[in-house]
Amino acid sequence: MDNIFIYELMAVVFSALIAFILTPIVRVLAFRVKALDVPDKTRHLHPDITPTLGGLAIFISFVVNVLIFCDLNRETTVHLAGTVVIVAVGVLDDIFQLNAWVKLAGEIVAAAVPIAFGLRIEFLTFFGVTVNLGVLSIPITLFWILLLTNSINLIDGMDGLACGVSSIAATAILVCSLILSQSNVALLMGILAGSCLGFLPFNLNPARIFMGDTGALSLGYVFSVVSVMGLYKFSTAITFIIPIIIFGLPFGDTFSAIFRRIKHHKGIFQGDHDHFHHKLQALGFSQKQAVIILYAISAVLGISAVFFTLHDWTVGVCILTFTALAGYINMLIFKGSDITRAQTGLGLSYMERPPKKQKHKQETDDQDPGPSQEENK
């Protein structure tokens, strides 16, 4: 057990180092190939032109470390092959801005790779009752891969959000896999967590590089296929619940977006500013505060999933219940009076600051700064 822990730790650390070293190189490459996110004051609100393609550093780190640390069995090899396909789709989208339907077609091709080689969700277990899916295993597995792949992509709307949430989710799956004695899956998740952590310093607000669809799509894809390889192989009640809990945040945001867009007669691929992180900003939280709150939610979901894996249902439910109650009370405070908001100490007050005192006109008249540099030009 100690050797496994040391091996996992070395994989995480080395993955983080590789991603950290590669990210500046990928940033230069993004400028060269024009994989840039240009502000347009509609959906892209960041102040400066920012390179995307950062997910390439995560992907390279992931592949290199899988080749070094993991047992290259049939499942792992098929998984890597599919990941190469989804990364290619992401790179093309970051550079050429693919049509949504073209991108979806690429995702389907990537999802078909593991399915064609037998990596499928063959049964689901609901509270001790196992349902064999038979021929339905193919469409259900396809739906699962596409859902999780695009869910991670959808929450990639703030600096560091998708990368940090992915790190937390990977760590949760790592722990659950160790409990279930799935050492290879745990190793894959440790490598992915380390790769994300190595990239994260460059992606935190203010981001110097975005992961782009290269990163968001590949992260979701890796999670979806690994869960098919591992968590969905056990015929216990936890197999159906654990992945849904761990990815509760991106799933919740995705289904909320779909229902919202259908309700307003919009295309489901049409972007908007009503995601969870946007709603937190609307409450007055800064971007950094909103990201930290969503990190905390992801961590709570991951911790509860670990207790469910241990079959300690009481503790898991208590954690979720207490967190939901505390969150509800906080929401009441944040939506209350402006004075109450200010008393939280979080800088959430909407009260207008008093205007700055203007210097006396005589002071400006007495000072003659001369021509500015712009005027000299």
Protein backbone atom coordinates (compact mmCIF):
# COMPACT_ATOMS: atom_id res chain seq x y z
CA MET A 1 0.00 0.00 0.00
CA ASP A 2 2.85 2.39 0.83
CA ASN A 3 4.52 1.66 -2.51
CA ILE A 4 1.28 2.38 -4.37
CA PHE A 5 0.92 5.69 -2.54
CA ILE A 6 4.51 6.72 -3.35
CA TYR A 7 4.04 5.69 -6.99
CA GLU A 8 0.84 7.77 -7.20
CA LEU A 9 2.54 10.74 -5.57
CA MET A 10 5.48 10.62 -7.99
CA ALA A 11 3.09 10.44 -10.95
CA VAL A 12 1.14 13.48 -9.70
CA VAL A 13 4.26 15.56 -9.05
CA PHE A 14 5.96 14.67 -12.32
CA SER A 15 2.76 15.36 -14.28
CA ALA A 16 2.46 18.78 -12.67
CA LEU A 17 6.11 19.59 -13.49
CA ILE A 18 5.75 18.55 -17.14
CA ALA A 19 2.56 20.59 -17.61
CA PHE A 20 4.12 23.61 -15.88
CA ILE A 21 7.19 23.45 -18.12
CA LEU A 22 5.17 22.93 -21.31
CA THR A 23 2.59 25.69 -20.81
CA PRO A 24 4.87 28.66 -21.73
CA ILE A 25 5.95 26.77 -24.87
CA VAL A 26 2.32 26.10 -25.82
CA ARG A 27 1.51 29.77 -25.18
CA VAL A 28 4.12 30.81 -27.75
CA LEU A 29 2.77 28.21 -30.17
CA ALA A 30 -0.77 29.56 -29.74
CA PHE A 31 0.37 33.01 -30.84
CA ARG A 32 2.14 31.53 -33.86
CA VAL A 33 -0.89 29.56 -35.09
CA LYS A 34 -3.34 32.38 -34.18
CA ALA A 35 -5.20 30.32 -31.59
CA LEU A 36 -6.30 33.47 -29.80
CA ASP A 37 -9.36 34.56 -27.88
CA VAL A 38 -10.14 38.12 -28.94
CA PRO A 39 -12.41 40.30 -26.72
CA ASP A 40 -15.70 41.19 -28.45
CA LYS A 41 -17.68 42.76 -25.55
CA THR A 42 -20.42 40.13 -25.94
CA ARG A 43 -19.29 36.63 -24.91
CA HIS A 44 -15.54 37.24 -24.62
CA LEU A 45 -15.30 39.90 -21.93
CA HIS A 46 -11.66 39.62 -20.85
CA PRO A 47 -9.70 42.83 -21.47
CA ASP A 48 -6.80 41.48 -23.55
CA ILE A 49 -6.18 39.09 -26.41
CA THR A 50 -5.45 35.76 -24.72
CA PRO A 51 -3.96 32.64 -26.31
CA THR A 52 -5.99 29.45 -26.11
CA LEU A 53 -4.72 25.93 -26.86
CA GLY A 54 -3.48 25.57 -23.26
CA GLY A 55 -5.11 22.17 -23.08
CA LEU A 56 -2.33 20.91 -25.32
CA ALA A 57 0.11 21.21 -22.40
CA ILE A 58 -2.27 19.20 -20.20
CA PHE A 59 -2.71 16.56 -22.92
CA ILE A 60 1.01 16.12 -23.63
CA SER A 61 1.78 15.86 -19.92
CA PHE A 62 -1.02 13.32 -19.51
CA VAL A 63 0.13 11.12 -22.41
CA VAL A 64 3.83 11.24 -21.47
CA ASN A 65 3.13 10.25 -17.88
CA VAL A 66 0.66 7.52 -18.84
CA LEU A 67 3.38 6.01 -21.03
CA ILE A 68 5.85 6.21 -18.13
CA PHE A 69 3.77 5.14 -15.15
CA CYS A 70 0.78 3.12 -16.38
CA ASP A 71 0.30 -0.43 -17.51
CA LEU A 72 -0.40 -0.09 -21.25
CA ASN A 73 -3.11 -2.69 -21.43
CA ARG A 74 -5.80 -2.80 -24.09
CA GLU A 75 -8.17 -0.44 -22.27
CA THR A 76 -5.52 2.22 -21.64
CA THR A 77 -4.32 2.08 -25.26
CA VAL A 78 -7.86 2.47 -26.61
CA HIS A 79 -8.44 5.32 -24.17
CA LEU A 80 -5.34 7.16 -25.40
CA ALA A 81 -6.37 6.65 -29.04
CA GLY A 82 -9.75 8.24 -28.41
CA THR A 83 -8.15 11.09 -26.49
CA VAL A 84 -5.92 11.86 -29.48
CA VAL A 85 -9.04 12.20 -31.64
CA ILE A 86 -10.84 14.55 -29.22
CA VAL A 87 -7.70 16.67 -28.80
CA ALA A 88 -7.44 17.01 -32.59
CA VAL A 89 -11.04 18.25 -32.64
CA GLY A 90 -10.26 20.75 -29.87
CA VAL A 91 -7.13 22.05 -31.58
CA LEU A 92 -8.99 22.60 -34.85
CA ASP A 93 -11.77 24.41 -33.00
CA ASP A 94 -9.35 26.65 -31.11
CA ILE A 95 -7.66 27.67 -34.36
CA PHE A 96 -10.51 27.71 -36.89
CA GLN A 97 -13.66 28.08 -34.72
CA LEU A 98 -15.50 25.01 -35.99
CA ASN A 99 -19.25 24.93 -36.50
CA ALA A 100 -21.03 23.42 -33.48
CA TRP A 101 -22.39 20.51 -35.51
CA VAL A 102 -18.98 19.78 -37.04
CA LYS A 103 -17.48 19.75 -33.56
CA LEU A 104 -20.24 17.41 -32.34
CA ALA A 105 -19.50 15.05 -35.23
CA GLY A 106 -15.84 14.97 -34.17
CA GLU A 107 -16.87 14.21 -30.60
CA ILE A 108 -19.02 11.31 -31.80
CA VAL A 109 -16.05 9.88 -33.74
CA ALA A 110 -13.89 10.12 -30.60
CA ALA A 111 -16.61 8.48 -28.49
CA ALA A 112 -16.97 5.69 -31.05
CA VAL A 113 -13.33 4.62 -30.56
CA PRO A 114 -13.68 3.08 -27.06
CA ILE A 115 -17.19 1.82 -27.84
CA ALA A 116 -15.94 -0.01 -30.94
CA PHE A 117 -13.30 -1.77 -28.83
CA GLY A 118 -15.74 -2.89 -26.16
CA LEU A 119 -15.46 -0.14 -23.54
CA ARG A 120 -19.13 0.26 -22.72
CA ILE A 121 -21.53 0.72 -19.81
CA GLU A 122 -22.97 -2.79 -19.91
CA PHE A 123 -25.18 -2.57 -16.82
CA LEU A 124 -26.52 -0.08 -14.31
CA THR A 125 -27.25 -0.80 -10.68
CA PHE A 126 -30.07 0.95 -8.83
CA PHE A 127 -30.08 0.23 -5.08
CA GLY A 128 -29.05 -3.37 -5.49
CA VAL A 129 -31.04 -4.07 -8.66
CA THR A 130 -28.75 -4.65 -11.65
CA VAL A 131 -30.12 -3.88 -15.12
CA ASN A 132 -28.23 -5.40 -18.05
CA LEU A 133 -28.34 -2.94 -20.93
CA GLY A 134 -27.66 -5.31 -23.81
CA VAL A 135 -27.73 -3.48 -27.16
CA LEU A 136 -28.64 -0.26 -25.33
CA SER A 137 -25.10 -0.19 -23.93
CA ILE A 138 -23.86 1.47 -27.12
CA PRO A 139 -26.21 4.52 -27.21
CA ILE A 140 -26.05 4.94 -23.42
CA THR A 141 -22.24 4.90 -23.42
CA LEU A 142 -22.22 7.33 -26.35
CA PHE A 143 -24.62 9.64 -24.49
CA TRP A 144 -22.51 9.46 -21.31
CA ILE A 145 -19.27 10.34 -23.12
CA LEU A 146 -20.85 13.24 -25.04
CA LEU A 147 -22.63 14.54 -21.93
CA LEU A 148 -19.57 14.64 -19.69
CA THR A 149 -17.30 15.92 -22.48
CA ASN A 150 -19.56 18.89 -23.16
CA SER A 151 -20.40 19.49 -19.49
CA ILE A 152 -16.77 20.24 -18.68
CA ASN A 153 -16.62 22.43 -21.78
CA LEU A 154 -19.66 24.43 -20.68
CA ILE A 155 -18.28 25.38 -17.26
CA ASP A 156 -15.08 26.68 -18.84
CA GLY A 157 -16.33 30.24 -18.59
CA MET A 158 -14.03 31.81 -15.99
CA ASP A 159 -10.30 31.86 -15.45
CA GLY A 160 -9.22 28.66 -13.75
CA LEU A 161 -12.74 27.28 -13.26
CA ALA A 162 -12.81 24.18 -15.47
CA CYS A 163 -9.17 23.33 -14.73
CA GLY A 164 -9.62 23.59 -10.96
CA VAL A 165 -12.92 21.70 -10.92
CA SER A 166 -11.29 18.97 -13.04
CA SER A 167 -8.40 18.71 -10.58
CA ILE A 168 -10.85 18.25 -7.72
CA ALA A 169 -12.93 15.70 -9.63
CA ALA A 170 -9.83 13.73 -10.64
CA THR A 171 -8.66 13.63 -7.02
CA ALA A 172 -12.07 12.38 -5.88
CA ILE A 173 -12.09 9.61 -8.49
CA LEU A 174 -8.50 8.75 -7.52
CA VAL A 175 -9.52 8.20 -3.89
CA CYS A 176 -12.66 6.27 -4.85
CA SER A 177 -10.61 4.06 -7.18
CA LEU A 178 -8.08 3.27 -4.47
CA ILE A 179 -10.93 2.27 -2.16
CA LEU A 180 -12.25 -0.03 -4.91
CA SER A 181 -8.73 -1.41 -5.56
CA GLN A 182 -8.60 -0.01 -9.11
CA SER A 183 -4.94 1.01 -9.11
CA ASN A 184 -4.67 1.68 -12.85
CA VAL A 185 -7.70 4.00 -12.86
CA ALA A 186 -6.34 5.76 -9.76
CA LEU A 187 -3.02 6.25 -11.52
CA LEU A 188 -4.72 7.74 -14.60
CA MET A 189 -6.62 10.17 -12.40
CA GLY A 190 -3.51 11.10 -10.43
CA ILE A 191 -1.70 11.92 -13.67
CA LEU A 192 -4.66 13.98 -14.89
CA ALA A 193 -4.92 15.87 -11.59
CA GLY A 194 -1.20 16.64 -11.66
CA SER A 195 -1.36 17.82 -15.28
CA CYS A 196 -4.21 20.18 -14.43
CA LEU A 197 -2.43 21.52 -11.35
CA GLY A 198 0.72 22.23 -13.39
CA PHE A 199 -1.32 24.26 -15.88
CA LEU A 200 -3.49 26.03 -13.29
CA PRO A 201 -1.01 28.79 -12.23
CA PHE A 202 -1.08 30.14 -15.80
CA ASN A 203 -4.88 29.87 -15.98
CA LEU A 204 -5.90 31.57 -12.74
CA ASN A 205 -7.31 35.08 -12.89
CA PRO A 206 -5.98 37.04 -14.66
CA ALA A 207 -5.35 34.14 -17.05
CA ARG A 208 -2.27 34.24 -19.24
CA ILE A 209 -3.59 31.36 -21.34
CA PHE A 210 -6.91 29.56 -21.71
CA MET A 211 -7.19 25.79 -21.99
CA GLY A 212 -9.59 26.26 -24.91
CA ASP A 213 -11.67 23.44 -26.33
CA THR A 214 -8.43 21.46 -26.61
CA GLY A 215 -8.38 21.22 -22.83
CA ALA A 216 -12.06 21.33 -21.89
CA LEU A 217 -13.16 18.65 -24.37
CA SER A 218 -10.22 16.36 -23.63
CA LEU A 219 -10.70 16.60 -19.86
CA GLY A 220 -14.38 15.70 -20.12
CA TYR A 221 -13.55 12.88 -22.51
CA VAL A 222 -10.88 11.40 -20.24
CA PHE A 223 -13.26 11.52 -17.27
CA SER A 224 -16.08 9.86 -19.19
CA VAL A 225 -13.98 6.99 -20.56
CA VAL A 226 -12.15 6.39 -17.27
CA SER A 227 -15.47 6.14 -15.43
CA VAL A 228 -16.58 3.52 -17.97
CA MET A 229 -13.27 1.69 -17.44
CA GLY A 230 -13.59 1.79 -13.67
CA LEU A 231 -16.61 2.96 -11.70
CA TYR A 232 -19.24 1.47 -14.00
CA LYS A 233 -17.71 -2.01 -13.78
CA PHE A 234 -18.98 -2.69 -10.27
CA SER A 235 -22.48 -4.13 -9.78
CA THR A 236 -23.18 -2.19 -6.60
CA ALA A 237 -25.43 0.74 -5.84
CA ILE A 238 -22.51 3.17 -5.84
CA THR A 239 -21.64 2.64 -9.51
CA PHE A 240 -24.53 4.75 -10.72
CA ILE A 241 -24.40 7.40 -8.01
CA ILE A 242 -20.69 8.22 -7.60
CA PRO A 243 -19.90 9.71 -11.04
CA ILE A 244 -23.10 11.77 -10.98
CA ILE A 245 -22.23 13.19 -7.55
CA ILE A 246 -18.61 13.95 -8.44
CA PHE A 247 -19.66 15.77 -11.61
CA GLY A 248 -22.77 17.29 -10.05
CA LEU A 249 -21.61 20.85 -10.70
CA PRO A 250 -20.96 20.57 -14.47
CA PHE A 251 -24.03 18.33 -14.90
CA GLY A 252 -26.24 20.79 -13.04
CA ASP A 253 -24.94 23.70 -15.10
CA THR A 254 -25.38 21.77 -18.36
CA PHE A 255 -28.98 20.68 -17.78
CA SER A 256 -29.84 24.14 -16.45
CA ALA A 257 -28.46 25.67 -19.67
CA ILE A 258 -30.35 23.21 -21.88
CA PHE A 259 -33.70 23.78 -20.12
CA ARG A 260 -33.14 27.55 -20.07
CA ARG A 261 -32.38 27.74 -23.77
CA ILE A 262 -35.30 25.51 -24.73
CA LYS A 263 -37.60 27.61 -22.55
CA HIS A 264 -36.48 30.78 -24.31
CA HIS A 265 -36.68 29.13 -27.74
CA LYS A 266 -32.94 29.30 -28.31
CA GLY A 267 -30.60 26.73 -29.81
CA ILE A 268 -28.97 24.50 -27.22
CA PHE A 269 -25.57 25.40 -28.69
CA GLN A 270 -26.24 29.13 -28.39
CA GLY A 271 -24.13 30.70 -25.65
CA ASP A 272 -25.49 32.95 -22.92
CA HIS A 273 -24.50 34.59 -19.66
CA ASP A 274 -26.72 32.66 -17.27
CA HIS A 275 -24.38 29.90 -16.14
CA PHE A 276 -23.76 29.32 -12.44
CA HIS A 277 -20.58 31.43 -12.46
CA HIS A 278 -22.43 34.30 -14.15
CA LYS A 279 -25.17 34.17 -11.52
CA LEU A 280 -22.60 34.39 -8.76
CA GLN A 281 -21.14 37.48 -10.41
CA ALA A 282 -24.63 38.95 -10.63
CA LEU A 283 -24.86 38.58 -6.83
CA GLY A 284 -21.81 40.80 -6.52
CA PHE A 285 -19.01 38.26 -6.22
CA SER A 286 -15.78 38.96 -8.02
CA GLN A 287 -14.53 36.43 -10.57
CA LYS A 288 -12.01 35.03 -8.09
CA GLN A 289 -14.66 34.69 -5.38
CA ALA A 290 -17.08 32.96 -7.75
CA VAL A 291 -14.42 30.45 -8.80
CA ILE A 292 -13.49 29.69 -5.17
CA ILE A 293 -17.16 29.09 -4.30
CA LEU A 294 -17.53 26.65 -7.21
CA TYR A 295 -14.28 24.94 -6.17
CA ALA A 296 -15.76 24.49 -2.69
CA ILE A 297 -18.98 23.00 -4.10
CA SER A 298 -16.97 20.55 -6.23
CA ALA A 299 -14.85 19.58 -3.22
CA VAL A 300 -17.93 18.92 -1.07
CA LEU A 301 -19.43 16.74 -3.81
CA GLY A 302 -16.14 14.85 -4.14
CA ILE A 303 -15.84 14.28 -0.39
CA SER A 304 -19.42 13.01 -0.15
CA ALA A 305 -18.74 10.65 -3.09
CA VAL A 306 -15.79 9.19 -1.19
CA PHE A 307 -18.02 8.45 1.82
CA PHE A 308 -20.61 6.86 -0.45
CA THR A 309 -17.84 4.66 -1.87
CA LEU A 310 -17.06 3.60 1.70
CA HIS A 311 -20.79 2.81 2.06
CA ASP A 312 -21.02 5.40 4.82
CA TRP A 313 -24.28 6.80 3.49
CA THR A 314 -25.16 8.71 6.66
CA VAL A 315 -22.00 10.85 6.62
CA GLY A 316 -22.27 11.45 2.87
CA VAL A 317 -25.89 12.59 3.10
CA CYS A 318 -25.12 14.77 6.15
CA ILE A 319 -22.30 16.51 4.28
CA LEU A 320 -24.55 17.27 1.32
CA THR A 321 -27.45 18.36 3.54
CA PHE A 322 -25.37 20.64 5.75
CA THR A 323 -23.69 22.24 2.74
CA ALA A 324 -27.01 22.81 0.98
CA LEU A 325 -28.48 24.38 4.14
CA ALA A 326 -25.46 26.63 4.69
CA GLY A 327 -25.54 27.66 1.04
CA TYR A 328 -29.23 28.50 1.24
CA ILE A 329 -28.71 30.68 4.34
CA ASN A 330 -25.86 32.48 2.62
CA MET A 331 -28.00 33.10 -0.46
CA LEU A 332 -30.66 34.70 1.74
CA ILE A 333 -27.98 36.97 3.19
CA PHE A 334 -26.56 37.89 -0.20
CA LYS A 335 -30.03 38.71 -1.53
CA GLY A 336 -30.92 40.71 1.57
CA SER A 337 -30.24 44.34 2.34
CA ASP A 338 -27.14 46.05 1.08
CA ILE A 339 -26.03 46.73 4.64
CA THR A 340 -26.19 43.00 5.45
CA ARG A 341 -24.18 42.24 2.33
CA ALA A 342 -21.53 44.70 3.43
CA GLN A 343 -21.42 43.11 6.89
CA THR A 344 -20.31 39.76 5.40
CA GLY A 345 -16.87 41.24 4.83
CA LEU A 346 -16.75 39.79 1.32
CA GLY A 347 -16.93 43.13 -0.48
CA LEU A 348 -20.41 42.40 -1.85
CA SER A 349 -21.98 45.78 -1.21
CA TYR A 350 -23.73 47.48 -4.12
CA MET A 351 -23.58 50.84 -2.33
CA GLU A 352 -22.05 53.54 -4.47
CA ARG A 353 -18.79 54.86 -3.20
CA PRO A 354 -18.65 58.58 -2.55
CA PRO A 355 -17.27 60.47 -5.55
CA LYS A 356 -13.65 61.48 -5.40
CA LYS A 357 -13.09 65.05 -4.35
CA GLN A 358 -12.16 67.22 -7.28
CA LYS A 359 -9.11 69.36 -6.90
CA HIS A 360 -9.73 73.04 -6.66
CA LYS A 361 -9.74 74.71 -10.05
CA GLN A 362 -7.08 77.16 -8.91
CA GLU A 363 -4.66 74.23 -8.26
CA THR A 364 -4.95 73.02 -11.85
CA ASP A 365 -4.63 76.55 -13.17
CA ASP A 366 -1.39 77.04 -11.26
CA GLN A 367 0.12 73.85 -12.72
CA ASP A 368 1.22 73.74 -16.33
CA PRO A 369 2.35 70.21 -17.14
CA GLY A 370 3.30 71.15 -20.67
CA PRO A 371 2.62 69.04 -23.75
CA SER A 372 1.99 65.34 -23.19
CA GLN A 373 3.91 62.56 -24.87
CA GLU A 374 0.91 61.87 -27.08
CA GLU A 375 0.84 65.49 -28.24
CA ASN A 376 4.57 65.40 -28.98
CA LYS A 377 3.98 62.49 -31.31
